[in-house]
């Protein structure tokens, strides 16, 4: 059996603001608005469909596996935008990146408050 994640809905108070934020940070292009959704397609064809809601947004965590070169670009955009980033998911190590599994990683929040993470090595993959 072959099972793949196709899409997930990302709730936000302002779907446009959140979608544009993440697209900019990750260096991706937004898709065309479709109904209440603004899609952001990742390189493995999984789509994050941003939807506006008028109630409190339950916070979610989204982790993105990127290359070392892409990490440099993402890190530069985060620094240029003066976004606070952390080496840990609990926010106890601000303005640091981690080197888990021999790679690099960091955490930051999107405009809706979701916890975003970028890593260059999957967890458990190395030294």
PDB file of N, CA and C in Angstrom:
ATOM      1  N   UNK A   1       0.844  -1.167   0.000  1.00  0.00           N
ATOM      2  CA  UNK A   1       0.000   0.000   0.000  1.00  0.00           C
ATOM      3  C   UNK A   1       0.897   1.240   0.000  1.00  0.00           C
ATOM      4  N   UNK A   2       0.531   2.212  -0.796  1.00  0.00           N
ATOM      5  CA  UNK A   2       1.273   3.467  -0.880  1.00  0.00           C
ATOM      6  C   UNK A   2       0.403   4.592  -0.322  1.00  0.00           C
ATOM      7  N   UNK A   3       0.855   5.193   0.759  1.00  0.00           N
ATOM      8  CA  UNK A   3       0.107   6.276   1.384  1.00  0.00           C
ATOM      9  C   UNK A   3       0.999   7.509   1.417  1.00  0.00           C
ATOM     10  N   UNK A   4       0.491   8.609   0.925  1.00  0.00           N
ATOM     11  CA  UNK A   4       1.225   9.866   0.935  1.00  0.00           C
ATOM     12  C   UNK A   4       0.319  10.965   1.460  1.00  0.00           C
ATOM     13  N   UNK A   5       0.906  11.883   2.203  1.00  0.00           N
ATOM     14  CA  UNK A   5       0.161  13.066   2.598  1.00  0.00           C
ATOM     15  C   UNK A   5       0.016  13.938   1.363  1.00  0.00           C
ATOM     16  N   UNK A   6      -1.204  14.354   1.053  1.00  0.00           N
ATOM     17  CA  UNK A   6      -1.477  15.169  -0.125  1.00  0.00           C
ATOM     18  C   UNK A   6      -1.590  16.640   0.237  1.00  0.00           C
ATOM     19  N   UNK A   7      -2.350  16.953   1.288  1.00  0.00           N
ATOM     20  CA  UNK A   7      -2.501  18.339   1.722  1.00  0.00           C
ATOM     21  C   UNK A   7      -2.977  18.372   3.167  1.00  0.00           C
ATOM     22  N   UNK A   8      -2.802  19.511   3.773  1.00  0.00           N
ATOM     23  CA  UNK A   8      -3.353  19.750   5.096  1.00  0.00           C
ATOM     24  C   UNK A   8      -3.780  21.211   5.155  1.00  0.00           C
ATOM     25  N   UNK A   9      -4.728  21.486   6.022  1.00  0.00           N
ATOM     26  CA  UNK A   9      -5.234  22.852   6.160  1.00  0.00           C
ATOM     27  C   UNK A   9      -4.518  23.519   7.327  1.00  0.00           C
ATOM     28  N   UNK A  10      -4.014  24.714   7.076  1.00  0.00           N
ATOM     29  CA  UNK A  10      -3.347  25.516   8.098  1.00  0.00           C
ATOM     30  C   UNK A  10      -4.281  26.671   8.439  1.00  0.00           C
ATOM     31  N   UNK A  11      -4.806  26.666   9.656  1.00  0.00           N
ATOM     32  CA  UNK A  11      -5.729  27.717  10.080  1.00  0.00           C
ATOM     33  C   UNK A  11      -4.954  28.970  10.482  1.00  0.00           C
ATOM     34  N   UNK A  12      -5.501  30.120  10.147  1.00  0.00           N
ATOM     35  CA  UNK A  12      -4.875  31.404  10.467  1.00  0.00           C
ATOM     36  C   UNK A  12      -5.951  32.459  10.633  1.00  0.00           C
ATOM     37  N   UNK A  13      -5.623  33.526  11.300  1.00  0.00           N
ATOM     38  CA  UNK A  13      -6.550  34.662  11.397  1.00  0.00           C
ATOM     39  C   UNK A  13      -6.582  35.411  10.080  1.00  0.00           C
ATOM     40  N   UNK A  14      -5.489  35.336   9.305  1.00  0.00           N
ATOM     41  CA  UNK A  14      -5.393  35.985   7.994  1.00  0.00           C
ATOM     42  C   UNK A  14      -4.612  35.039   7.088  1.00  0.00           C
ATOM     43  N   UNK A  15      -5.340  34.279   6.269  1.00  0.00           N
ATOM     44  CA  UNK A  15      -4.686  33.259   5.453  1.00  0.00           C
ATOM     45  C   UNK A  15      -3.663  33.846   4.484  1.00  0.00           C
ATOM     46  N   UNK A  16      -3.942  35.000   3.939  1.00  0.00           N
ATOM     47  CA  UNK A  16      -3.015  35.640   2.999  1.00  0.00           C
ATOM     48  C   UNK A  16      -1.701  36.006   3.705  1.00  0.00           C
ATOM     49  N   UNK A  17      -1.811  36.641   4.865  1.00  0.00           N
ATOM     50  CA  UNK A  17      -0.613  37.046   5.607  1.00  0.00           C
ATOM     51  C   UNK A  17       0.242  35.831   5.971  1.00  0.00           C
ATOM     52  N   UNK A  18      -0.366  34.791   6.490  1.00  0.00           N
ATOM     53  CA  UNK A  18       0.386  33.606   6.899  1.00  0.00           C
ATOM     54  C   UNK A  18       0.991  32.872   5.704  1.00  0.00           C
ATOM     55  N   UNK A  19       0.225  32.736   4.633  1.00  0.00           N
ATOM     56  CA  UNK A  19       0.731  32.043   3.442  1.00  0.00           C
ATOM     57  C   UNK A  19       1.886  32.812   2.816  1.00  0.00           C
ATOM     58  N   UNK A  20       1.739  34.124   2.689  1.00  0.00           N
ATOM     59  CA  UNK A  20       2.812  34.933   2.101  1.00  0.00           C
ATOM     60  C   UNK A  20       4.058  34.921   2.980  1.00  0.00           C
ATOM     61  N   UNK A  21       3.867  34.944   4.289  1.00  0.00           N
ATOM     62  CA  UNK A  21       4.999  34.882   5.210  1.00  0.00           C
ATOM     63  C   UNK A  21       5.815  33.618   4.978  1.00  0.00           C
ATOM     64  N   UNK A  22       5.143  32.464   5.013  1.00  0.00           N
ATOM     65  CA  UNK A  22       5.871  31.202   4.878  1.00  0.00           C
ATOM     66  C   UNK A  22       6.459  31.043   3.483  1.00  0.00           C
ATOM     67  N   UNK A  23       5.725  31.444   2.467  1.00  0.00           N
ATOM     68  CA  UNK A  23       6.260  31.371   1.100  1.00  0.00           C
ATOM     69  C   UNK A  23       7.545  32.188   0.992  1.00  0.00           C
ATOM     70  N   UNK A  24       7.538  33.380   1.561  1.00  0.00           N
ATOM     71  CA  UNK A  24       8.737  34.227   1.513  1.00  0.00           C
ATOM     72  C   UNK A  24       9.900  33.577   2.257  1.00  0.00           C
ATOM     73  N   UNK A  25       9.664  33.126   3.471  1.00  0.00           N
ATOM     74  CA  UNK A  25      10.737  32.537   4.278  1.00  0.00           C
ATOM     75  C   UNK A  25      11.324  31.311   3.603  1.00  0.00           C
ATOM     76  N   UNK A  26      10.472  30.458   3.041  1.00  0.00           N
ATOM     77  CA  UNK A  26      10.954  29.222   2.408  1.00  0.00           C
ATOM     78  C   UNK A  26      11.385  29.415   0.957  1.00  0.00           C
ATOM     79  N   UNK A  27      11.140  30.593   0.392  1.00  0.00           N
ATOM     80  CA  UNK A  27      11.525  30.839  -0.994  1.00  0.00           C
ATOM     81  C   UNK A  27      10.645  30.104  -1.987  1.00  0.00           C
ATOM     82  N   UNK A  28       9.339  30.022  -1.694  1.00  0.00           N
ATOM     83  CA  UNK A  28       8.388  29.315  -2.556  1.00  0.00           C
ATOM     84  C   UNK A  28       7.365  30.284  -3.125  1.00  0.00           C
ATOM     85  N   UNK A  29       6.642  29.822  -4.135  1.00  0.00           N
ATOM     86  CA  UNK A  29       5.575  30.617  -4.761  1.00  0.00           C
ATOM     87  C   UNK A  29       4.220  30.109  -4.291  1.00  0.00           C
ATOM     88  N   UNK A  30       3.323  31.034  -4.009  1.00  0.00           N
ATOM     89  CA  UNK A  30       1.953  30.661  -3.654  1.00  0.00           C
ATOM     90  C   UNK A  30       1.187  30.236  -4.890  1.00  0.00           C
ATOM     91  N   UNK A  31       0.233  29.324  -4.689  1.00  0.00           N
ATOM     92  CA  UNK A  31      -0.665  28.951  -5.757  1.00  0.00           C
ATOM     93  C   UNK A  31      -1.829  29.922  -5.833  1.00  0.00           C
ATOM     94  N   UNK A  32      -2.689  29.708  -6.794  1.00  0.00           N
ATOM     95  CA  UNK A  32      -3.879  30.541  -6.959  1.00  0.00           C
ATOM     96  C   UNK A  32      -4.888  30.241  -5.854  1.00  0.00           C
ATOM     97  N   UNK A  33      -5.485  31.294  -5.324  1.00  0.00           N
ATOM     98  CA  UNK A  33      -6.510  31.131  -4.299  1.00  0.00           C
ATOM     99  C   UNK A  33      -7.619  30.247  -4.853  1.00  0.00           C
ATOM    100  N   UNK A  34      -8.065  29.299  -4.045  1.00  0.00           N
ATOM    101  CA  UNK A  34      -9.098  28.356  -4.455  1.00  0.00           C
ATOM    102  C   UNK A  34     -10.120  28.290  -3.333  1.00  0.00           C
ATOM    103  N   UNK A  35     -11.293  28.864  -3.585  1.00  0.00           N
ATOM    104  CA  UNK A  35     -12.309  28.933  -2.539  1.00  0.00           C
ATOM    105  C   UNK A  35     -11.741  29.683  -1.349  1.00  0.00           C
ATOM    106  N   UNK A  36     -11.839  29.096  -0.157  1.00  0.00           N
ATOM    107  CA  UNK A  36     -11.323  29.774   1.039  1.00  0.00           C
ATOM    108  C   UNK A  36      -9.834  29.525   1.299  1.00  0.00           C
ATOM    109  N   UNK A  37      -9.155  28.853   0.368  1.00  0.00           N
ATOM    110  CA  UNK A  37      -7.784  28.419   0.602  1.00  0.00           C
ATOM    111  C   UNK A  37      -6.763  29.154  -0.256  1.00  0.00           C
ATOM    112  N   UNK A  38      -5.588  29.365   0.332  1.00  0.00           N
ATOM    113  CA  UNK A  38      -4.422  29.833  -0.415  1.00  0.00           C
ATOM    114  C   UNK A  38      -3.386  28.726  -0.281  1.00  0.00           C
ATOM    115  N   UNK A  39      -3.081  28.032  -1.383  1.00  0.00           N
ATOM    116  CA  UNK A  39      -2.187  26.882  -1.303  1.00  0.00           C
ATOM    117  C   UNK A  39      -0.705  27.253  -1.452  1.00  0.00           C
ATOM    118  N   UNK A  40       0.098  26.519  -0.700  1.00  0.00           N
ATOM    119  CA  UNK A  40       1.549  26.598  -0.815  1.00  0.00           C
ATOM    120  C   UNK A  40       2.020  25.166  -1.022  1.00  0.00           C
ATOM    121  N   UNK A  41       2.543  24.873  -2.203  1.00  0.00           N
ATOM    122  CA  UNK A  41       2.962  23.517  -2.536  1.00  0.00           C
ATOM    123  C   UNK A  41       4.447  23.348  -2.262  1.00  0.00           C
ATOM    124  N   UNK A  42       4.764  22.296  -1.520  1.00  0.00           N
ATOM    125  CA  UNK A  42       6.145  21.971  -1.186  1.00  0.00           C
ATOM    126  C   UNK A  42       6.753  21.106  -2.284  1.00  0.00           C
ATOM    127  N   UNK A  43       8.059  20.910  -2.255  1.00  0.00           N
ATOM    128  CA  UNK A  43       8.740  20.194  -3.345  1.00  0.00           C
ATOM    129  C   UNK A  43       8.315  18.736  -3.465  1.00  0.00           C
ATOM    130  N   UNK A  44       7.763  18.156  -2.416  1.00  0.00           N
ATOM    131  CA  UNK A  44       7.273  16.778  -2.499  1.00  0.00           C
ATOM    132  C   UNK A  44       5.786  16.728  -2.843  1.00  0.00           C
ATOM    133  N   UNK A  45       5.263  17.860  -3.336  1.00  0.00           N
ATOM    134  CA  UNK A  45       3.876  18.012  -3.798  1.00  0.00           C
ATOM    135  C   UNK A  45       2.829  17.971  -2.691  1.00  0.00           C
ATOM    136  N   UNK A  46       3.236  18.053  -1.445  1.00  0.00           N
ATOM    137  CA  UNK A  46       2.280  18.234  -0.349  1.00  0.00           C
ATOM    138  C   UNK A  46       1.886  19.705  -0.350  1.00  0.00           C
ATOM    139  N   UNK A  47       0.602  19.976  -0.210  1.00  0.00           N
ATOM    140  CA  UNK A  47       0.115  21.349  -0.215  1.00  0.00           C
ATOM    141  C   UNK A  47      -0.348  21.755   1.176  1.00  0.00           C
ATOM    142  N   UNK A  48       0.109  22.919   1.597  1.00  0.00           N
ATOM    143  CA  UNK A  48      -0.408  23.548   2.812  1.00  0.00           C
ATOM    144  C   UNK A  48      -1.477  24.521   2.344  1.00  0.00           C
ATOM    145  N   UNK A  49      -2.721  24.264   2.711  1.00  0.00           N
ATOM    146  CA  UNK A  49      -3.843  25.107   2.301  1.00  0.00           C
ATOM    147  C   UNK A  49      -4.207  26.028   3.459  1.00  0.00           C
ATOM    148  N   UNK A  50      -3.852  27.311   3.344  1.00  0.00           N
ATOM    149  CA  UNK A  50      -4.099  28.290   4.391  1.00  0.00           C
ATOM    150  C   UNK A  50      -5.551  28.751   4.331  1.00  0.00           C
ATOM    151  N   UNK A  51      -6.224  28.723   5.490  1.00  0.00           N
ATOM    152  CA  UNK A  51      -7.628  29.113   5.588  1.00  0.00           C
ATOM    153  C   UNK A  51      -7.798  30.100   6.732  1.00  0.00           C
ATOM    154  N   UNK A  52      -8.567  31.158   6.483  1.00  0.00           N
ATOM    155  CA  UNK A  52      -8.874  32.142   7.512  1.00  0.00           C
ATOM    156  C   UNK A  52     -10.023  31.638   8.368  1.00  0.00           C
ATOM    157  N   UNK A  53      -9.867  31.793   9.686  1.00  0.00           N
ATOM    158  CA  UNK A  53     -10.944  31.471  10.616  1.00  0.00           C
ATOM    159  C   UNK A  53     -11.153  32.663  11.540  1.00  0.00           C
ATOM    160  N   UNK A  54     -12.348  32.768  12.075  1.00  0.00           N
ATOM    161  CA  UNK A  54     -12.657  33.915  12.946  1.00  0.00           C
ATOM    162  C   UNK A  54     -12.726  33.507  14.416  1.00  0.00           C
ATOM    163  N   UNK A  55     -11.959  32.509  14.780  1.00  0.00           N
ATOM    164  CA  UNK A  55     -11.885  32.068  16.178  1.00  0.00           C
ATOM    165  C   UNK A  55     -10.427  31.816  16.533  1.00  0.00           C
ATOM    166  N   UNK A  56     -10.169  31.542  17.800  1.00  0.00           N
ATOM    167  CA  UNK A  56      -8.799  31.266  18.215  1.00  0.00           C
ATOM    168  C   UNK A  56      -8.234  30.115  17.392  1.00  0.00           C
ATOM    169  N   UNK A  57      -6.994  30.280  16.998  1.00  0.00           N
ATOM    170  CA  UNK A  57      -6.342  29.281  16.162  1.00  0.00           C
ATOM    171  C   UNK A  57      -5.546  28.329  17.054  1.00  0.00           C
ATOM    172  N   UNK A  58      -5.871  27.026  17.012  1.00  0.00           N
ATOM    173  CA  UNK A  58      -5.056  26.083  17.785  1.00  0.00           C
ATOM    174  C   UNK A  58      -3.656  26.023  17.162  1.00  0.00           C
ATOM    175  N   UNK A  59      -2.642  26.145  17.999  1.00  0.00           N
ATOM    176  CA  UNK A  59      -1.282  26.197  17.486  1.00  0.00           C
ATOM    177  C   UNK A  59      -0.825  24.820  17.027  1.00  0.00           C
ATOM    178  N   UNK A  60      -0.173  24.806  15.893  1.00  0.00           N
ATOM    179  CA  UNK A  60       0.341  23.583  15.294  1.00  0.00           C
ATOM    180  C   UNK A  60       1.846  23.723  15.094  1.00  0.00           C
ATOM    181  N   UNK A  61       2.485  22.611  14.782  1.00  0.00           N
ATOM    182  CA  UNK A  61       3.917  22.594  14.500  1.00  0.00           C
ATOM    183  C   UNK A  61       4.117  22.026  13.100  1.00  0.00           C
ATOM    184  N   UNK A  62       4.928  22.714  12.310  1.00  0.00           N
ATOM    185  CA  UNK A  62       5.241  22.268  10.951  1.00  0.00           C
ATOM    186  C   UNK A  62       6.752  22.269  10.791  1.00  0.00           C
ATOM    187  N   UNK A  63       7.325  21.132  10.420  1.00  0.00           N
ATOM    188  CA  UNK A  63       8.773  21.007  10.259  1.00  0.00           C
ATOM    189  C   UNK A  63       9.087  20.755   8.784  1.00  0.00           C
ATOM    190  N   UNK A  64      10.082  21.472   8.278  1.00  0.00           N
ATOM    191  CA  UNK A  64      10.456  21.394   6.872  1.00  0.00           C
ATOM    192  C   UNK A  64      11.901  20.932   6.738  1.00  0.00           C
ATOM    193  N   UNK A  65      12.109  19.871   5.971  1.00  0.00           N
ATOM    194  CA  UNK A  65      13.437  19.355   5.691  1.00  0.00           C
ATOM    195  C   UNK A  65      13.960  20.082   4.459  1.00  0.00           C
ATOM    196  N   UNK A  66      15.095  20.767   4.622  1.00  0.00           N
ATOM    197  CA  UNK A  66      15.665  21.559   3.531  1.00  0.00           C
ATOM    198  C   UNK A  66      17.159  21.246   3.406  1.00  0.00           C
ATOM    199  N   UNK A  67      17.744  21.646   2.307  1.00  0.00           N
ATOM    200  CA  UNK A  67      19.176  21.422   2.098  1.00  0.00           C
ATOM    201  C   UNK A  67      19.995  22.436   2.896  1.00  0.00           C
ATOM    202  N   UNK A  68      21.289  22.194   2.986  1.00  0.00           N
ATOM    203  CA  UNK A  68      22.187  23.143   3.661  1.00  0.00           C
ATOM    204  C   UNK A  68      22.161  24.498   2.963  1.00  0.00           C
ATOM    205  N   UNK A  69      22.180  24.496   1.623  1.00  0.00           N
ATOM    206  CA  UNK A  69      22.144  25.766   0.875  1.00  0.00           C
ATOM    207  C   UNK A  69      20.831  26.496   1.111  1.00  0.00           C
ATOM    208  N   UNK A  70      19.726  25.759   1.135  1.00  0.00           N
ATOM    209  CA  UNK A  70      18.426  26.377   1.407  1.00  0.00           C
ATOM    210  C   UNK A  70      18.371  26.921   2.835  1.00  0.00           C
ATOM    211  N   UNK A  71      19.016  26.219   3.773  1.00  0.00           N
ATOM    212  CA  UNK A  71      19.048  26.697   5.154  1.00  0.00           C
ATOM    213  C   UNK A  71      19.709  28.072   5.201  1.00  0.00           C
ATOM    214  N   UNK A  72      20.825  28.226   4.490  1.00  0.00           N
ATOM    215  CA  UNK A  72      21.507  29.525   4.452  1.00  0.00           C
ATOM    216  C   UNK A  72      20.566  30.618   3.966  1.00  0.00           C
ATOM    217  N   UNK A  73      19.787  30.328   2.922  1.00  0.00           N
ATOM    218  CA  UNK A  73      18.858  31.312   2.359  1.00  0.00           C
ATOM    219  C   UNK A  73      17.722  31.621   3.339  1.00  0.00           C
ATOM    220  N   UNK A  74      17.159  30.581   3.941  1.00  0.00           N
ATOM    221  CA  UNK A  74      16.077  30.770   4.920  1.00  0.00           C
ATOM    222  C   UNK A  74      16.596  31.570   6.109  1.00  0.00           C
ATOM    223  N   UNK A  75      17.780  31.205   6.600  1.00  0.00           N
ATOM    224  CA  UNK A  75      18.362  31.893   7.748  1.00  0.00           C
ATOM    225  C   UNK A  75      18.585  33.373   7.437  1.00  0.00           C
ATOM    226  N   UNK A  76      19.043  33.659   6.241  1.00  0.00           N
ATOM    227  CA  UNK A  76      19.251  35.055   5.837  1.00  0.00           C
ATOM    228  C   UNK A  76      17.928  35.821   5.816  1.00  0.00           C
ATOM    229  N   UNK A  77      16.875  35.221   5.251  1.00  0.00           N
ATOM    230  CA  UNK A  77      15.577  35.898   5.200  1.00  0.00           C
ATOM    231  C   UNK A  77      15.006  36.125   6.599  1.00  0.00           C
ATOM    232  N   UNK A  78      15.204  35.166   7.489  1.00  0.00           N
ATOM    233  CA  UNK A  78      14.723  35.314   8.862  1.00  0.00           C
ATOM    234  C   UNK A  78      15.463  36.450   9.557  1.00  0.00           C
ATOM    235  N   UNK A  79      16.767  36.510   9.374  1.00  0.00           N
ATOM    236  CA  UNK A  79      17.545  37.578   9.999  1.00  0.00           C
ATOM    237  C   UNK A  79      17.177  38.942   9.408  1.00  0.00           C
ATOM    238  N   UNK A  80      17.028  39.014   8.092  1.00  0.00           N
ATOM    239  CA  UNK A  80      16.664  40.287   7.452  1.00  0.00           C
ATOM    240  C   UNK A  80      15.308  40.787   7.924  1.00  0.00           C
ATOM    241  N   UNK A  81      14.379  39.869   8.175  1.00  0.00           N
ATOM    242  CA  UNK A  81      13.035  40.239   8.634  1.00  0.00           C
ATOM    243  C   UNK A  81      12.991  40.437  10.157  1.00  0.00           C
ATOM    244  N   UNK A  82      14.126  40.231  10.807  1.00  0.00           N
ATOM    245  CA  UNK A  82      14.236  40.380  12.262  1.00  0.00           C
ATOM    246  C   UNK A  82      13.226  39.507  13.004  1.00  0.00           C
ATOM    247  N   UNK A  83      13.088  38.275  12.525  1.00  0.00           N
ATOM    248  CA  UNK A  83      12.214  37.291  13.154  1.00  0.00           C
ATOM    249  C   UNK A  83      13.014  36.587  14.237  1.00  0.00           C
ATOM    250  N   UNK A  84      12.442  36.464  15.411  1.00  0.00           N
ATOM    251  CA  UNK A  84      13.113  35.746  16.483  1.00  0.00           C
ATOM    252  C   UNK A  84      13.113  34.258  16.153  1.00  0.00           C
ATOM    253  N   UNK A  85      14.264  33.643  16.280  1.00  0.00           N
ATOM    254  CA  UNK A  85      14.411  32.212  16.023  1.00  0.00           C
ATOM    255  C   UNK A  85      15.089  31.580  17.233  1.00  0.00           C
ATOM    256  N   UNK A  86      14.942  30.266  17.331  1.00  0.00           N
ATOM    257  CA  UNK A  86      15.431  29.533  18.498  1.00  0.00           C
ATOM    258  C   UNK A  86      16.082  28.223  18.059  1.00  0.00           C
ATOM    259  N   UNK A  87      16.988  27.739  18.898  1.00  0.00           N
ATOM    260  CA  UNK A  87      17.615  26.448  18.649  1.00  0.00           C
ATOM    261  C   UNK A  87      16.765  25.296  19.180  1.00  0.00           C
ATOM    262  N   UNK A  88      15.767  25.619  20.001  1.00  0.00           N
ATOM    263  CA  UNK A  88      14.966  24.589  20.662  1.00  0.00           C
ATOM    264  C   UNK A  88      13.475  24.902  20.540  1.00  0.00           C
ATOM    265  N   UNK A  89      12.636  23.889  20.637  1.00  0.00           N
ATOM    266  CA  UNK A  89      11.197  24.108  20.471  1.00  0.00           C
ATOM    267  C   UNK A  89      10.539  24.851  21.627  1.00  0.00           C
ATOM    268  N   UNK A  90      11.221  24.964  22.751  1.00  0.00           N
ATOM    269  CA  UNK A  90      10.642  25.634  23.917  1.00  0.00           C
ATOM    270  C   UNK A  90      11.044  27.104  24.002  1.00  0.00           C
ATOM    271  N   UNK A  91      11.845  27.577  23.048  1.00  0.00           N
ATOM    272  CA  UNK A  91      12.226  28.975  23.000  1.00  0.00           C
ATOM    273  C   UNK A  91      13.187  29.405  24.095  1.00  0.00           C
ATOM    274  N   UNK A  92      13.979  28.465  24.620  1.00  0.00           N
ATOM    275  CA  UNK A  92      14.921  28.794  25.691  1.00  0.00           C
ATOM    276  C   UNK A  92      16.293  29.197  25.155  1.00  0.00           C
ATOM    277  N   UNK A  93      16.508  29.025  23.845  1.00  0.00           N
ATOM    278  CA  UNK A  93      17.805  29.366  23.253  1.00  0.00           C
ATOM    279  C   UNK A  93      17.589  30.307  22.064  1.00  0.00           C
ATOM    280  N   UNK A  94      17.196  31.560  22.351  1.00  0.00           N
ATOM    281  CA  UNK A  94      16.957  32.512  21.265  1.00  0.00           C
ATOM    282  C   UNK A  94      18.249  32.883  20.547  1.00  0.00           C
ATOM    283  N   UNK A  95      18.084  33.209  19.263  1.00  0.00           N
ATOM    284  CA  UNK A  95      19.187  33.638  18.397  1.00  0.00           C
ATOM    285  C   UNK A  95      20.293  32.597  18.283  1.00  0.00           C
ATOM    286  N   UNK A  96      19.908  31.336  18.416  1.00  0.00           N
ATOM    287  CA  UNK A  96      20.835  30.227  18.207  1.00  0.00           C
ATOM    288  C   UNK A  96      20.188  29.249  17.240  1.00  0.00           C
ATOM    289  N   UNK A  97      21.025  28.496  16.548  1.00  0.00           N
ATOM    290  CA  UNK A  97      20.538  27.375  15.753  1.00  0.00           C
ATOM    291  C   UNK A  97      21.053  26.106  16.415  1.00  0.00           C
ATOM    292  N   UNK A  98      20.472  24.971  16.081  1.00  0.00           N
ATOM    293  CA  UNK A  98      20.958  23.711  16.637  1.00  0.00           C
ATOM    294  C   UNK A  98      21.731  22.940  15.574  1.00  0.00           C
ATOM    295  N   UNK A  99      22.412  21.915  16.014  1.00  0.00           N
ATOM    296  CA  UNK A  99      23.206  21.067  15.111  1.00  0.00           C
ATOM    297  C   UNK A  99      22.841  19.603  15.332  1.00  0.00           C
ATOM    298  N   UNK A 100      21.562  19.354  15.509  1.00  0.00           N
ATOM    299  CA  UNK A 100      21.073  18.000  15.752  1.00  0.00           C
ATOM    300  C   UNK A 100      21.376  17.093  14.567  1.00  0.00           C
ATOM    301  N   UNK A 101      21.782  15.882  14.876  1.00  0.00           N
ATOM    302  CA  UNK A 101      22.063  14.852  13.864  1.00  0.00           C
ATOM    303  C   UNK A 101      23.099  15.302  12.839  1.00  0.00           C
ATOM    304  N   UNK A 102      23.982  16.222  13.244  1.00  0.00           N
ATOM    305  CA  UNK A 102      25.046  16.671  12.352  1.00  0.00           C
ATOM    306  C   UNK A 102      24.594  17.691  11.320  1.00  0.00           C
ATOM    307  N   UNK A 103      23.374  18.172  11.437  1.00  0.00           N
ATOM    308  CA  UNK A 103      22.858  19.184  10.506  1.00  0.00           C
ATOM    309  C   UNK A 103      22.650  20.503  11.221  1.00  0.00           C
ATOM    310  N   UNK A 104      21.752  21.294  10.680  1.00  0.00           N
ATOM    311  CA  UNK A 104      21.388  22.564  11.314  1.00  0.00           C
ATOM    312  C   UNK A 104      19.873  22.657  11.370  1.00  0.00           C
ATOM    313  N   UNK A 105      19.382  23.363  12.384  1.00  0.00           N
ATOM    314  CA  UNK A 105      17.946  23.540  12.521  1.00  0.00           C
ATOM    315  C   UNK A 105      17.624  24.753  13.364  1.00  0.00           C
ATOM    316  N   UNK A 106      16.393  25.231  13.202  1.00  0.00           N
ATOM    317  CA  UNK A 106      15.910  26.344  14.028  1.00  0.00           C
ATOM    318  C   UNK A 106      14.389  26.364  14.005  1.00  0.00           C
ATOM    319  N   UNK A 107      13.854  27.059  14.994  1.00  0.00           N
ATOM    320  CA  UNK A 107      12.419  27.213  15.174  1.00  0.00           C
ATOM    321  C   UNK A 107      12.069  28.692  15.116  1.00  0.00           C
ATOM    322  N   UNK A 108      10.867  28.989  14.613  1.00  0.00           N
ATOM    323  CA  UNK A 108      10.357  30.364  14.589  1.00  0.00           C
ATOM    324  C   UNK A 108       8.844  30.280  14.480  1.00  0.00           C
ATOM    325  N   UNK A 109       8.161  31.371  14.768  1.00  0.00           N
ATOM    326  CA  UNK A 109       6.705  31.380  14.705  1.00  0.00           C
ATOM    327  C   UNK A 109       6.222  32.138  13.482  1.00  0.00           C
ATOM    328  N   UNK A 110       5.103  31.680  12.932  1.00  0.00           N
ATOM    329  CA  UNK A 110       4.479  32.403  11.825  1.00  0.00           C
ATOM    330  C   UNK A 110       3.497  33.424  12.406  1.00  0.00           C
ATOM    331  N   UNK A 111       2.881  34.262  11.569  1.00  0.00           N
ATOM    332  CA  UNK A 111       1.974  35.294  12.085  1.00  0.00           C
ATOM    333  C   UNK A 111       0.789  34.751  12.889  1.00  0.00           C
ATOM    334  N   UNK A 112       0.371  33.511  12.637  1.00  0.00           N
ATOM    335  CA  UNK A 112      -0.742  32.914  13.385  1.00  0.00           C
ATOM    336  C   UNK A 112      -0.273  32.309  14.703  1.00  0.00           C
ATOM    337  N   UNK A 113       1.052  32.258  14.918  1.00  0.00           N
ATOM    338  CA  UNK A 113       1.598  31.676  16.133  1.00  0.00           C
ATOM    339  C   UNK A 113       2.008  30.226  16.003  1.00  0.00           C
ATOM    340  N   UNK A 114       1.843  29.650  14.811  1.00  0.00           N
ATOM    341  CA  UNK A 114       2.262  28.266  14.608  1.00  0.00           C
ATOM    342  C   UNK A 114       3.773  28.162  14.742  1.00  0.00           C
ATOM    343  N   UNK A 115       4.226  27.036  15.290  1.00  0.00           N
ATOM    344  CA  UNK A 115       5.650  26.777  15.430  1.00  0.00           C
ATOM    345  C   UNK A 115       6.206  26.187  14.150  1.00  0.00           C
ATOM    346  N   UNK A 116       7.087  26.912  13.512  1.00  0.00           N
ATOM    347  CA  UNK A 116       7.725  26.453  12.286  1.00  0.00           C
ATOM    348  C   UNK A 116       9.138  25.985  12.614  1.00  0.00           C
ATOM    349  N   UNK A 117       9.587  24.972  11.902  1.00  0.00           N
ATOM    350  CA  UNK A 117      10.925  24.430  12.113  1.00  0.00           C
ATOM    351  C   UNK A 117      11.537  24.123  10.756  1.00  0.00           C
ATOM    352  N   UNK A 118      12.803  24.450  10.597  1.00  0.00           N
ATOM    353  CA  UNK A 118      13.556  24.033   9.418  1.00  0.00           C
ATOM    354  C   UNK A 118      14.751  23.224   9.900  1.00  0.00           C
ATOM    355  N   UNK A 119      14.995  22.089   9.242  1.00  0.00           N
ATOM    356  CA  UNK A 119      16.104  21.205   9.583  1.00  0.00           C
ATOM    357  C   UNK A 119      16.788  20.742   8.303  1.00  0.00           C
ATOM    358  N   UNK A 120      18.068  20.452   8.427  1.00  0.00           N
ATOM    359  CA  UNK A 120      18.801  19.964   7.258  1.00  0.00           C
ATOM    360  C   UNK A 120      19.059  18.465   7.316  1.00  0.00           C
ATOM    361  N   UNK A 121      18.764  17.848   8.439  1.00  0.00           N
ATOM    362  CA  UNK A 121      18.908  16.391   8.592  1.00  0.00           C
ATOM    363  C   UNK A 121      17.690  15.880   9.338  1.00  0.00           C
ATOM    364  N   UNK A 122      17.095  14.772   8.880  1.00  0.00           N
ATOM    365  CA  UNK A 122      15.965  14.205   9.621  1.00  0.00           C
ATOM    366  C   UNK A 122      16.408  13.743  11.007  1.00  0.00           C
ATOM    367  N   UNK A 123      15.525  13.805  11.975  1.00  0.00           N
ATOM    368  CA  UNK A 123      15.834  13.344  13.312  1.00  0.00           C
ATOM    369  C   UNK A 123      16.229  11.868  13.290  1.00  0.00           C
ATOM    370  N   UNK A 124      17.298  11.559  14.026  1.00  0.00           N
ATOM    371  CA  UNK A 124      17.780  10.184  14.116  1.00  0.00           C
ATOM    372  C   UNK A 124      18.625   9.742  12.942  1.00  0.00           C
ATOM    373  N   UNK A 125      19.031  10.690  12.080  1.00  0.00           N
ATOM    374  CA  UNK A 125      19.739  10.307  10.861  1.00  0.00           C
ATOM    375  C   UNK A 125      21.263  10.306  10.974  1.00  0.00           C
ATOM    376  N   UNK A 126      21.794  10.796  12.071  1.00  0.00           N
ATOM    377  CA  UNK A 126      23.249  10.838  12.114  1.00  0.00           C
ATOM    378  C   UNK A 126      23.792  11.287  13.441  1.00  0.00           C
ATOM    379  N   UNK A 127      25.039  11.690  13.392  1.00  0.00           N
ATOM    380  CA  UNK A 127      25.823  12.012  14.601  1.00  0.00           C
ATOM    381  C   UNK A 127      25.324  13.189  15.364  1.00  0.00           C
TER     382      UNK A 127
END
